[in-house]
Protein backbone atom coordinates (compact mmCIF):
# COMPACT_ATOMS: atom_id res chain seq x y z
CA UNK A 1 96.48 98.83 90.61
CA UNK A 2 96.53 102.02 92.61
CA UNK A 3 97.15 102.26 96.36
CA UNK A 4 97.06 105.41 98.49
CA UNK A 5 98.77 105.64 101.89
CA UNK A 6 97.07 108.15 104.17
CA UNK A 7 98.06 109.98 107.34
CA UNK A 8 96.79 113.14 108.97
CA UNK A 9 98.93 115.63 107.07
CA UNK A 10 100.32 113.57 104.20
CA UNK A 11 104.00 114.17 104.78
CA UNK A 12 105.82 111.91 107.23
CA UNK A 13 103.79 108.90 108.23
CA UNK A 14 102.14 108.39 104.85
CA UNK A 15 105.58 108.51 103.19
CA UNK A 16 106.81 105.77 105.53
CA UNK A 17 103.71 103.71 104.85
CA UNK A 18 104.10 104.26 101.10
CA UNK A 19 107.72 103.09 101.13
CA UNK A 20 106.94 100.02 103.22
CA UNK A 21 103.94 99.17 101.06
CA UNK A 22 106.21 99.25 98.01
CA UNK A 23 108.66 96.94 99.81
CA UNK A 24 105.84 94.57 100.75
CA UNK A 25 104.51 94.52 97.19
CA UNK A 26 108.01 93.81 95.87
CA UNK A 27 108.35 90.84 98.26
CA UNK A 28 104.98 89.55 97.07
CA UNK A 29 105.96 89.94 93.43
CA UNK A 30 103.14 92.42 92.85
CA UNK A 31 103.25 95.87 91.34
CA UNK A 32 101.11 98.91 92.01
CA UNK A 33 101.25 102.67 91.81
CA UNK A 34 101.55 103.71 95.47
CA UNK A 35 101.14 107.34 96.50
CA UNK A 36 100.92 109.25 99.78
CA UNK A 37 98.18 111.64 100.81
CA UNK A 38 96.92 113.64 103.74
CA UNK A 39 93.44 113.31 105.14
CA UNK A 40 92.33 116.63 103.63
CA UNK A 41 93.20 115.45 100.10
CA UNK A 42 92.16 111.81 100.32
CA UNK A 43 88.89 112.08 98.40
CA UNK A 44 90.67 113.32 95.28
CA UNK A 45 93.81 111.21 95.79
CA UNK A 46 91.83 107.99 96.14
CA UNK A 47 89.30 108.63 93.38
CA UNK A 48 90.75 105.83 91.24
CA UNK A 49 92.43 103.78 93.98
CA UNK A 50 91.65 100.15 94.72
CA UNK A 51 93.23 100.21 98.21
CA UNK A 52 93.65 102.92 100.85
CA UNK A 53 96.20 102.18 103.58
CA UNK A 54 95.84 104.02 106.87
CA UNK A 55 96.07 103.62 110.62
CA UNK A 56 93.29 102.18 112.72
CA UNK A 57 93.03 105.57 114.44
CA UNK A 58 92.33 107.39 111.15
CA UNK A 59 90.20 104.74 109.43
CA UNK A 60 86.82 106.20 110.36
CA UNK A 61 87.90 109.70 109.32
CA UNK A 62 89.18 108.31 106.01
CA UNK A 63 85.84 106.56 105.43
CA UNK A 64 83.97 109.82 106.05
CA UNK A 65 86.34 111.84 103.84
CA UNK A 66 86.18 109.36 100.95
CA UNK A 67 82.46 108.73 101.14
CA UNK A 68 81.21 106.13 98.70
CA UNK A 69 84.16 104.49 97.08
CA UNK A 70 85.18 101.20 95.56
CA UNK A 71 88.51 101.37 97.38
CA UNK A 72 89.06 99.00 100.25
CA UNK A 73 90.32 100.72 103.38
CA UNK A 74 93.05 98.61 104.94
CA UNK A 75 94.02 99.42 108.51
CA UNK A 76 97.69 99.08 109.44
CA UNK A 77 98.76 98.89 113.08
CA UNK A 78 102.53 99.28 112.61
CA UNK A 79 103.68 101.39 109.63
CA UNK A 80 107.22 99.97 110.03
CA UNK A 81 106.16 96.30 109.87
CA UNK A 82 106.60 95.29 106.24
CA UNK A 83 105.35 91.78 107.06
CA UNK A 84 102.06 93.11 108.46
CA UNK A 85 101.59 95.42 105.49
CA UNK A 86 102.37 92.58 103.09
CA UNK A 87 99.90 90.23 104.76
CA UNK A 88 97.15 92.83 104.64
CA UNK A 89 97.86 93.77 101.02
CA UNK A 90 97.97 90.12 99.98
CA UNK A 91 94.61 89.51 101.67
CA UNK A 92 93.20 92.59 99.96
CA UNK A 93 94.53 92.27 96.42
CA UNK A 94 95.78 88.69 96.45
């Protein structure tokens, strides 16, 4: 399983989201390769991803940048809320 965390630039916020997604996956007993990316690199970064994590504010831009993809775009409201991230990942990948 491959998950990509996306923010505008791909440095700060996506790194926080990546780390908290890994924590959430660990709590769920699931494993995945989680990486961070900026919006400008998301098409290549998510080419083989099953899930793309991003903010609600960036979701439409991510959809446009990725184009047709099999990856589910999961919108996260609070990048620091491991519970929220876990719930959304569990709903997505079960």
